[in-house]
Amino acid sequence: MVAHFCLGFVVLALLATAVADPDIKVVCAKDSVRVTWRVAPQFVPFAARFFLGSCMPSSWKVLPTGEGLAHFNYKFYDCKFTKQLKGKRIIYQNELSFRPQAKPKPVAFKYPIQCVQKRPDGRIPQFLNPGSGVSEGRSKLVFHMALLNEQLTAVSKTNVIPLGSFLPIWAAVEQKSHQPLVLLMDECVAASTPELEPGNQLYPIVGNHGCLLESKRGSSLFLPRYHSSAIILYLQSFEFGMGGEVYIHCNLIVWDGDFDKRRKACHVKDGRWELLDDPARSSLCNCCENSCSPRTKRATSWEPHSVHFNSVLGPIIIVDQPASLINSSLPETDTEYIYIYIYIFFFFSHFSSDHLY
């Protein structure tokens, strides 16, 4: 409790100085907005805590000065924009925010975003109706997967995990100009190598099309979503590969249809399978004990479009030691590891979104 209070106090003190004159640029387009937010070096480790409405940055770039550059590029029907009709104007409103700690902790900084357009005469453009139109450029979707720290405020500073503690594994897909998509973990396994090869010993984590198998064996679960395009697997560490390198291999899926037995996120809560996104429909998870409806030729002709992506997280080292001993004796390679990891994470985020600008 004291540590969390001190962290919040330090972050707020730094924030008061850093955002006294925030460097924020807003470009409004016909049906979207592009926001660029330059932040001080001390806030770069908190990359996952900057938001435009309900959306995380589309991409991040670490500048040579050490500062961070957050890019938000979203449609007006994303991120919980509000729309107001005033006379001959249409006003879209949202806000940038920095939330150093997870909810219900308060937002530390807010900045209003507003785009004003002339109201069309006699008709409503298609982009004002989120239910119309089709998604384009699905092949340009960009996926991310990272290990977060215990507070879920930033990328973890170590890959050494005590046995029995939790690994918050965050996965997300950049929405860009797409209609809202749902990200799911279709299958995840642990292995001792960064590439899956024949004969590898595997430890199943998620299987049977989105069933969190580890939630039956321990306390693992999916955390409540903050956005449909992201998911956090709160995975309790296990004995598989203990002391050596462990890699988490996941088959991620983005989905623009309704949930079914093959497109879902299920975990065990209070002794029963529960659907993460709609507990009232948890009957979709009943098949987790058997086999979840294999695909049929008839089904493939009408099912909504989905995109699969294989992602690998690691190396992670699980050790049978108390967290206090690990934190006090981290080798230098752990520090190098996390800076390399952050660099790769931000580099690919930036590179993949160059076509936007």
Protein backbone atom coordinates (compact mmCIF):
# COMPACT_ATOMS: atom_id res chain seq x y z
CA MET A 1 0.00 0.00 0.00
CA VAL A 2 2.79 2.43 0.91
CA ALA A 3 4.72 1.52 -2.23
CA HIS A 4 1.67 2.16 -4.42
CA PHE A 5 1.05 5.51 -2.71
CA CYS A 6 4.67 6.58 -3.22
CA LEU A 7 4.58 5.54 -6.87
CA GLY A 8 1.40 7.51 -7.45
CA PHE A 9 2.83 10.56 -5.67
CA VAL A 10 6.06 10.48 -7.71
CA VAL A 11 4.21 10.02 -11.00
CA LEU A 12 1.82 12.86 -10.19
CA ALA A 13 4.70 15.14 -9.22
CA LEU A 14 6.52 14.42 -12.47
CA LEU A 15 3.31 14.78 -14.43
CA ALA A 16 2.60 18.22 -12.99
CA THR A 17 5.88 19.42 -14.49
CA ALA A 18 5.86 17.44 -17.71
CA VAL A 19 2.34 18.32 -18.87
CA ALA A 20 2.21 21.95 -17.76
CA ASP A 21 2.49 22.72 -21.50
CA PRO A 22 1.64 19.40 -23.20
CA ASP A 23 2.99 18.83 -26.70
CA ILE A 24 -0.16 17.50 -28.37
CA LYS A 25 -1.09 17.88 -32.03
CA VAL A 26 -4.52 17.04 -33.43
CA VAL A 27 -5.42 16.57 -37.09
CA CYS A 28 -9.13 16.06 -37.86
CA ALA A 29 -10.11 14.25 -41.04
CA LYS A 30 -13.48 13.52 -42.63
CA ASP A 31 -14.25 10.42 -40.57
CA SER A 32 -11.23 10.05 -38.28
CA VAL A 33 -8.71 11.87 -36.13
CA ARG A 34 -4.94 11.67 -35.86
CA VAL A 35 -3.34 12.73 -32.56
CA THR A 36 0.37 12.97 -31.79
CA TRP A 37 1.42 13.24 -28.14
CA ARG A 38 5.08 13.80 -27.20
CA VAL A 39 5.82 12.73 -23.63
CA ALA A 40 8.86 13.12 -21.40
CA PRO A 41 11.40 10.25 -21.06
CA GLN A 42 10.22 9.35 -17.54
CA PHE A 43 6.80 8.41 -18.96
CA VAL A 44 8.02 6.08 -21.70
CA PRO A 45 7.89 3.01 -19.37
CA PHE A 46 4.19 3.81 -18.82
CA ALA A 47 3.35 3.43 -22.52
CA ALA A 48 0.39 1.16 -21.81
CA ARG A 49 -1.27 3.81 -19.61
CA PHE A 50 -1.89 6.51 -22.25
CA PHE A 51 -5.35 6.54 -23.83
CA LEU A 52 -7.55 8.32 -26.33
CA GLY A 53 -10.94 7.58 -24.87
CA SER A 54 -10.89 3.80 -24.51
CA CYS A 55 -8.11 3.22 -27.07
CA MET A 56 -4.40 2.75 -26.55
CA PRO A 57 -1.87 4.39 -28.91
CA SER A 58 -1.85 3.04 -32.46
CA SER A 59 1.93 3.20 -32.32
CA TRP A 60 4.82 4.38 -30.19
CA LYS A 61 8.22 5.72 -31.10
CA VAL A 62 11.15 6.35 -28.75
CA LEU A 63 13.02 9.46 -29.94
CA PRO A 64 16.81 9.92 -29.75
CA THR A 65 16.19 12.39 -26.90
CA GLY A 66 14.59 9.59 -24.86
CA GLU A 67 11.15 11.15 -25.22
CA GLY A 68 8.19 9.07 -26.36
CA LEU A 69 5.92 9.86 -29.30
CA ALA A 70 2.44 8.38 -29.07
CA HIS A 71 0.32 8.23 -32.23
CA PHE A 72 -3.44 7.75 -32.12
CA ASN A 73 -5.16 7.16 -35.46
CA TYR A 74 -8.81 6.16 -35.10
CA LYS A 75 -12.24 6.48 -36.66
CA PHE A 76 -14.86 8.55 -34.88
CA TYR A 77 -16.86 5.42 -34.10
CA ASP A 78 -13.85 3.99 -32.21
CA CYS A 79 -12.64 4.87 -28.72
CA LYS A 80 -16.06 6.02 -27.44
CA PHE A 81 -16.16 9.36 -29.24
CA THR A 82 -19.33 11.35 -28.56
CA LYS A 83 -21.17 13.06 -31.40
CA GLN A 84 -23.22 16.24 -31.02
CA LEU A 85 -25.34 17.96 -33.65
CA LYS A 86 -25.41 21.74 -33.17
CA GLY A 87 -27.02 23.76 -35.91
CA LYS A 88 -25.00 23.23 -39.06
CA ARG A 89 -22.12 21.58 -37.21
CA ILE A 90 -21.25 18.04 -36.15
CA ILE A 91 -18.97 17.93 -33.11
CA TYR A 92 -16.94 14.85 -32.16
CA GLN A 93 -15.47 14.89 -28.67
CA ASN A 94 -13.16 12.69 -26.65
CA GLU A 95 -10.20 13.14 -24.33
CA LEU A 96 -6.60 12.08 -24.03
CA SER A 97 -5.76 10.69 -20.63
CA PHE A 98 -2.88 9.31 -18.61
CA ARG A 99 -3.81 6.72 -16.01
CA PRO A 100 -0.65 5.66 -14.08
CA GLN A 101 -2.55 2.98 -12.17
CA ALA A 102 -5.36 0.65 -13.13
CA LYS A 103 -8.99 1.41 -12.36
CA PRO A 104 -10.55 2.36 -10.00
CA LYS A 105 -7.55 4.69 -9.47
CA PRO A 106 -8.31 8.13 -10.93
CA VAL A 107 -6.96 9.57 -14.16
CA ALA A 108 -3.90 11.74 -13.51
CA PHE A 109 -4.19 13.93 -16.63
CA LYS A 110 -6.90 14.77 -19.18
CA TYR A 111 -6.78 16.76 -22.41
CA PRO A 112 -9.93 17.45 -24.46
CA ILE A 113 -10.04 16.47 -28.14
CA GLN A 114 -12.65 18.04 -30.41
CA CYS A 115 -13.28 17.87 -34.15
CA VAL A 116 -15.93 20.09 -35.75
CA GLN A 117 -17.39 19.48 -39.20
CA LYS A 118 -20.07 21.06 -41.35
CA ARG A 119 -23.31 19.13 -41.19
CA PRO A 120 -24.20 17.67 -44.62
CA ASP A 121 -27.36 18.93 -46.28
CA GLY A 122 -30.17 16.42 -46.66
CA ARG A 123 -28.19 13.24 -46.08
CA ILE A 124 -26.10 11.42 -43.53
CA PRO A 125 -22.68 10.24 -44.74
CA GLN A 126 -22.02 6.52 -44.45
CA PHE A 127 -19.19 6.98 -41.96
CA LEU A 128 -21.61 8.44 -39.40
CA ASN A 129 -23.30 5.03 -39.19
CA PRO A 130 -20.95 2.54 -37.50
CA GLY A 131 -23.12 -0.34 -38.67
CA SER A 132 -22.54 0.32 -42.35
CA GLY A 133 -19.60 -0.16 -44.66
CA VAL A 134 -16.93 -2.88 -44.70
CA SER A 135 -13.49 -3.15 -43.18
CA GLU A 136 -10.52 -2.84 -45.50
CA GLY A 137 -6.82 -3.59 -45.29
CA ARG A 138 -7.13 -6.47 -42.85
CA SER A 139 -3.77 -7.80 -43.99
CA LYS A 140 -2.16 -4.70 -42.46
CA LEU A 141 -3.31 -5.50 -38.92
CA VAL A 142 -0.49 -5.22 -36.39
CA PHE A 143 -0.43 -7.51 -33.37
CA HIS A 144 1.41 -7.03 -30.07
CA MET A 145 2.10 -9.31 -27.12
CA ALA A 146 4.04 -8.33 -23.99
CA LEU A 147 4.62 -9.26 -20.36
CA LEU A 148 3.33 -6.52 -18.03
CA ASN A 149 4.45 -5.69 -14.52
CA GLU A 150 2.45 -6.58 -11.41
CA GLN A 151 0.59 -3.25 -11.42
CA LEU A 152 -0.35 -3.63 -15.13
CA THR A 153 1.09 -0.15 -15.73
CA ALA A 154 4.01 -0.92 -18.07
CA VAL A 155 6.10 -3.62 -19.66
CA SER A 156 7.76 -5.79 -16.99
CA LYS A 157 11.33 -4.89 -16.05
CA THR A 158 12.33 -8.52 -15.55
CA ASN A 159 11.72 -11.86 -17.21
CA VAL A 160 12.50 -13.81 -14.02
CA ILE A 161 9.24 -14.98 -12.43
CA PRO A 162 8.85 -16.72 -9.03
CA LEU A 163 6.99 -20.02 -9.13
CA GLY A 164 3.32 -19.51 -8.27
CA SER A 165 3.25 -15.76 -9.00
CA PHE A 166 1.34 -14.29 -11.92
CA LEU A 167 2.39 -13.35 -15.44
CA PRO A 168 0.09 -10.65 -16.91
CA ILE A 169 0.36 -11.41 -20.64
CA TRP A 170 -1.09 -8.56 -22.71
CA ALA A 171 -2.04 -9.01 -26.35
CA ALA A 172 -3.54 -6.37 -28.63
CA VAL A 173 -4.21 -5.60 -32.27
CA GLU A 174 -4.02 -2.13 -33.76
CA GLN A 175 -7.48 -1.18 -35.03
CA LYS A 176 -6.39 1.63 -37.35
CA SER A 177 -9.19 2.17 -39.89
CA HIS A 178 -10.98 -1.09 -39.19
CA GLN A 179 -14.38 -1.62 -37.73
CA PRO A 180 -14.17 -2.67 -34.06
CA LEU A 181 -12.64 -6.13 -33.82
CA VAL A 182 -12.48 -8.64 -30.98
CA LEU A 183 -9.09 -10.17 -30.15
CA LEU A 184 -9.10 -13.74 -28.85
CA MET A 185 -6.45 -16.23 -27.76
CA ASP A 186 -7.43 -19.34 -29.69
CA GLU A 187 -4.54 -21.47 -28.42
CA CYS A 188 -1.47 -20.89 -26.23
CA VAL A 189 1.27 -23.33 -25.24
CA ALA A 190 4.54 -23.06 -23.34
CA ALA A 191 7.70 -24.47 -24.90
CA SER A 192 11.43 -24.38 -24.24
CA THR A 193 12.28 -22.95 -27.68
CA PRO A 194 11.29 -19.76 -29.53
CA GLU A 195 10.19 -21.86 -32.50
CA LEU A 196 7.91 -24.87 -32.30
CA GLU A 197 9.54 -27.95 -33.73
CA PRO A 198 8.47 -31.60 -34.06
CA GLY A 199 9.20 -33.44 -30.84
CA ASN A 200 9.05 -30.32 -28.64
CA GLN A 201 7.56 -30.88 -25.21
CA LEU A 202 4.61 -28.53 -24.90
CA TYR A 203 2.61 -27.31 -21.90
CA PRO A 204 -0.99 -26.41 -22.90
CA ILE A 205 -2.32 -23.13 -21.50
CA VAL A 206 -5.23 -22.19 -23.76
CA GLY A 207 -6.85 -24.77 -26.00
CA ASN A 208 -10.09 -26.03 -27.50
CA HIS A 209 -10.68 -22.66 -29.20
CA GLY A 210 -10.27 -20.19 -26.34
CA CYS A 211 -10.64 -22.37 -23.22
CA LEU A 212 -8.14 -21.33 -20.52
CA LEU A 213 -7.05 -24.79 -19.39
CA GLU A 214 -4.78 -23.33 -16.69
CA SER A 215 -7.83 -21.89 -14.92
CA LYS A 216 -8.84 -25.47 -14.05
CA ARG A 217 -5.46 -26.29 -12.54
CA GLY A 218 -4.89 -23.04 -10.60
CA SER A 219 -5.95 -19.41 -10.32
CA SER A 220 -5.29 -18.20 -13.87
CA LEU A 221 -7.98 -16.14 -15.58
CA PHE A 222 -8.67 -13.56 -18.26
CA LEU A 223 -8.91 -10.04 -16.81
CA PRO A 224 -11.91 -7.83 -17.74
CA ARG A 225 -11.30 -6.07 -21.04
CA TYR A 226 -10.59 -2.34 -21.35
CA HIS A 227 -11.08 -2.60 -25.13
CA SER A 228 -12.36 -5.32 -27.44
CA SER A 229 -9.10 -5.29 -29.41
CA ALA A 230 -6.97 -6.26 -26.39
CA ILE A 231 -6.92 -9.07 -23.87
CA ILE A 232 -4.87 -9.78 -20.73
CA LEU A 233 -4.16 -13.36 -19.68
CA TYR A 234 -3.41 -13.36 -15.94
CA LEU A 235 -1.38 -16.57 -15.92
CA GLN A 236 -0.15 -18.23 -12.75
CA SER A 237 3.41 -19.47 -13.26
CA PHE A 238 3.94 -23.24 -13.43
CA GLU A 239 6.73 -25.79 -13.00
CA PHE A 240 7.17 -26.51 -16.71
CA GLY A 241 10.73 -25.61 -17.75
CA MET A 242 11.52 -24.23 -14.29
CA GLY A 243 15.00 -22.72 -14.15
CA GLY A 244 15.37 -22.67 -17.93
CA GLU A 245 13.99 -20.51 -20.72
CA VAL A 246 10.26 -20.74 -21.41
CA TYR A 247 8.50 -19.26 -24.43
CA ILE A 248 4.74 -18.63 -24.66
CA HIS A 249 3.38 -19.37 -28.14
CA CYS A 250 -0.12 -18.05 -28.87
CA ASN A 251 -2.41 -18.25 -31.87
CA LEU A 252 -4.26 -14.92 -31.80
CA ILE A 253 -7.48 -14.31 -33.69
CA VAL A 254 -9.32 -11.10 -34.57
CA TRP A 255 -13.00 -11.56 -35.13
CA ASP A 256 -15.78 -9.28 -36.36
CA GLY A 257 -18.72 -11.57 -35.66
CA ASP A 258 -20.65 -12.83 -32.66
CA PHE A 259 -19.21 -15.26 -30.13
CA ASP A 260 -19.69 -18.98 -30.68
CA LYS A 261 -18.10 -22.24 -29.57
CA ARG A 262 -15.08 -21.67 -31.79
CA ARG A 263 -14.67 -17.93 -31.14
CA LYS A 264 -14.66 -17.24 -27.41
CA ALA A 265 -12.60 -16.56 -24.28
CA CYS A 266 -13.57 -18.91 -21.43
CA HIS A 267 -12.13 -19.46 -17.96
CA VAL A 268 -13.17 -21.27 -14.79
CA LYS A 269 -14.64 -19.03 -12.07
CA ASP A 270 -16.25 -20.36 -8.90
CA GLY A 271 -15.89 -23.90 -10.22
CA ARG A 272 -17.71 -23.29 -13.53
CA TRP A 273 -16.73 -22.23 -17.02
CA GLU A 274 -17.58 -18.59 -17.74
CA LEU A 275 -17.54 -16.55 -20.95
CA LEU A 276 -15.31 -13.52 -20.38
CA ASP A 277 -17.24 -11.09 -22.56
CA ASP A 278 -20.80 -12.14 -21.63
CA PRO A 279 -21.21 -14.37 -18.56
CA ALA A 280 -24.93 -14.74 -19.36
CA ARG A 281 -23.91 -16.79 -22.41
CA SER A 282 -21.47 -19.04 -20.58
CA SER A 283 -23.19 -22.10 -22.06
CA LEU A 284 -20.86 -21.52 -25.05
CA CYS A 285 -18.07 -22.68 -22.75
CA ASN A 286 -19.65 -26.04 -21.89
CA CYS A 287 -17.72 -27.66 -24.73
CA CYS A 288 -14.43 -26.83 -22.96
CA GLU A 289 -14.77 -30.17 -21.15
CA ASN A 290 -14.98 -32.04 -24.47
CA SER A 291 -14.47 -30.74 -28.01
CA CYS A 292 -15.68 -27.35 -29.22
CA SER A 293 -17.60 -27.76 -32.50
CA PRO A 294 -15.16 -28.52 -35.32
CA ARG A 295 -15.53 -26.46 -38.48
CA THR A 296 -17.92 -27.71 -41.14
CA LYS A 297 -17.90 -26.90 -44.84
CA ARG A 298 -21.33 -25.33 -44.53
CA ALA A 299 -20.21 -23.08 -41.67
CA THR A 300 -17.20 -21.65 -43.49
CA SER A 301 -19.36 -20.18 -46.24
CA TRP A 302 -21.16 -17.73 -43.96
CA GLU A 303 -18.96 -17.17 -40.91
CA PRO A 304 -17.63 -13.61 -40.37
CA HIS A 305 -14.09 -12.89 -41.46
CA SER A 306 -11.27 -13.69 -39.06
CA VAL A 307 -7.50 -13.27 -39.12
CA HIS A 308 -5.04 -15.57 -37.37
CA PHE A 309 -1.60 -14.55 -36.11
CA ASN A 310 1.06 -16.56 -34.28
CA SER A 311 2.91 -14.62 -31.58
CA VAL A 312 5.77 -15.62 -29.27
CA LEU A 313 6.66 -14.13 -25.88
CA GLY A 314 9.94 -14.89 -24.14
CA PRO A 315 12.27 -15.96 -22.87
CA ILE A 316 10.66 -16.20 -19.43
CA ILE A 317 12.54 -17.85 -16.59
CA ILE A 318 10.47 -19.40 -13.79
CA VAL A 319 12.39 -19.97 -10.55
CA ASP A 320 11.48 -21.49 -7.21
CA GLN A 321 12.53 -18.44 -5.18
CA PRO A 322 10.68 -15.72 -3.26
CA ALA A 323 10.08 -12.51 -5.21
CA SER A 324 12.06 -10.50 -2.63
CA LEU A 325 15.24 -12.47 -3.33
CA ILE A 326 14.82 -12.16 -7.09
CA ASN A 327 14.30 -8.38 -7.02
CA SER A 328 17.40 -7.87 -4.89
CA SER A 329 19.70 -9.99 -7.04
CA LEU A 330 18.71 -9.40 -10.64
CA PRO A 331 21.68 -9.88 -13.01
CA GLU A 332 22.58 -7.15 -15.46
CA THR A 333 21.25 -9.22 -18.34
CA ASP A 334 17.72 -8.73 -17.03
CA THR A 335 18.04 -4.97 -17.39
CA GLU A 336 19.48 -5.39 -20.88
CA TYR A 337 16.66 -7.76 -21.74
CA ILE A 338 13.89 -5.34 -20.90
CA TYR A 339 15.45 -2.40 -22.75
CA ILE A 340 15.91 -4.60 -25.82
CA TYR A 341 12.32 -5.77 -25.45
CA ILE A 342 10.95 -2.21 -25.21
CA TYR A 343 13.02 -1.14 -28.21
CA ILE A 344 11.71 -4.02 -30.34
CA PHE A 345 8.15 -3.39 -29.15
CA PHE A 346 8.19 0.31 -30.02
CA PHE A 347 10.19 -0.17 -33.22
CA PHE A 348 7.73 -2.58 -34.76
CA SER A 349 4.78 -0.48 -33.57
CA HIS A 350 6.24 2.54 -35.36
CA PHE A 351 7.38 0.66 -38.46
CA SER A 352 4.05 -1.03 -38.99
CA SER A 353 2.15 2.27 -38.96
CA ASP A 354 4.40 4.26 -41.30
CA HIS A 355 1.86 3.92 -44.09
CA LEU A 356 -0.60 5.99 -42.07
CA TYR A 357 1.32 9.23 -42.35
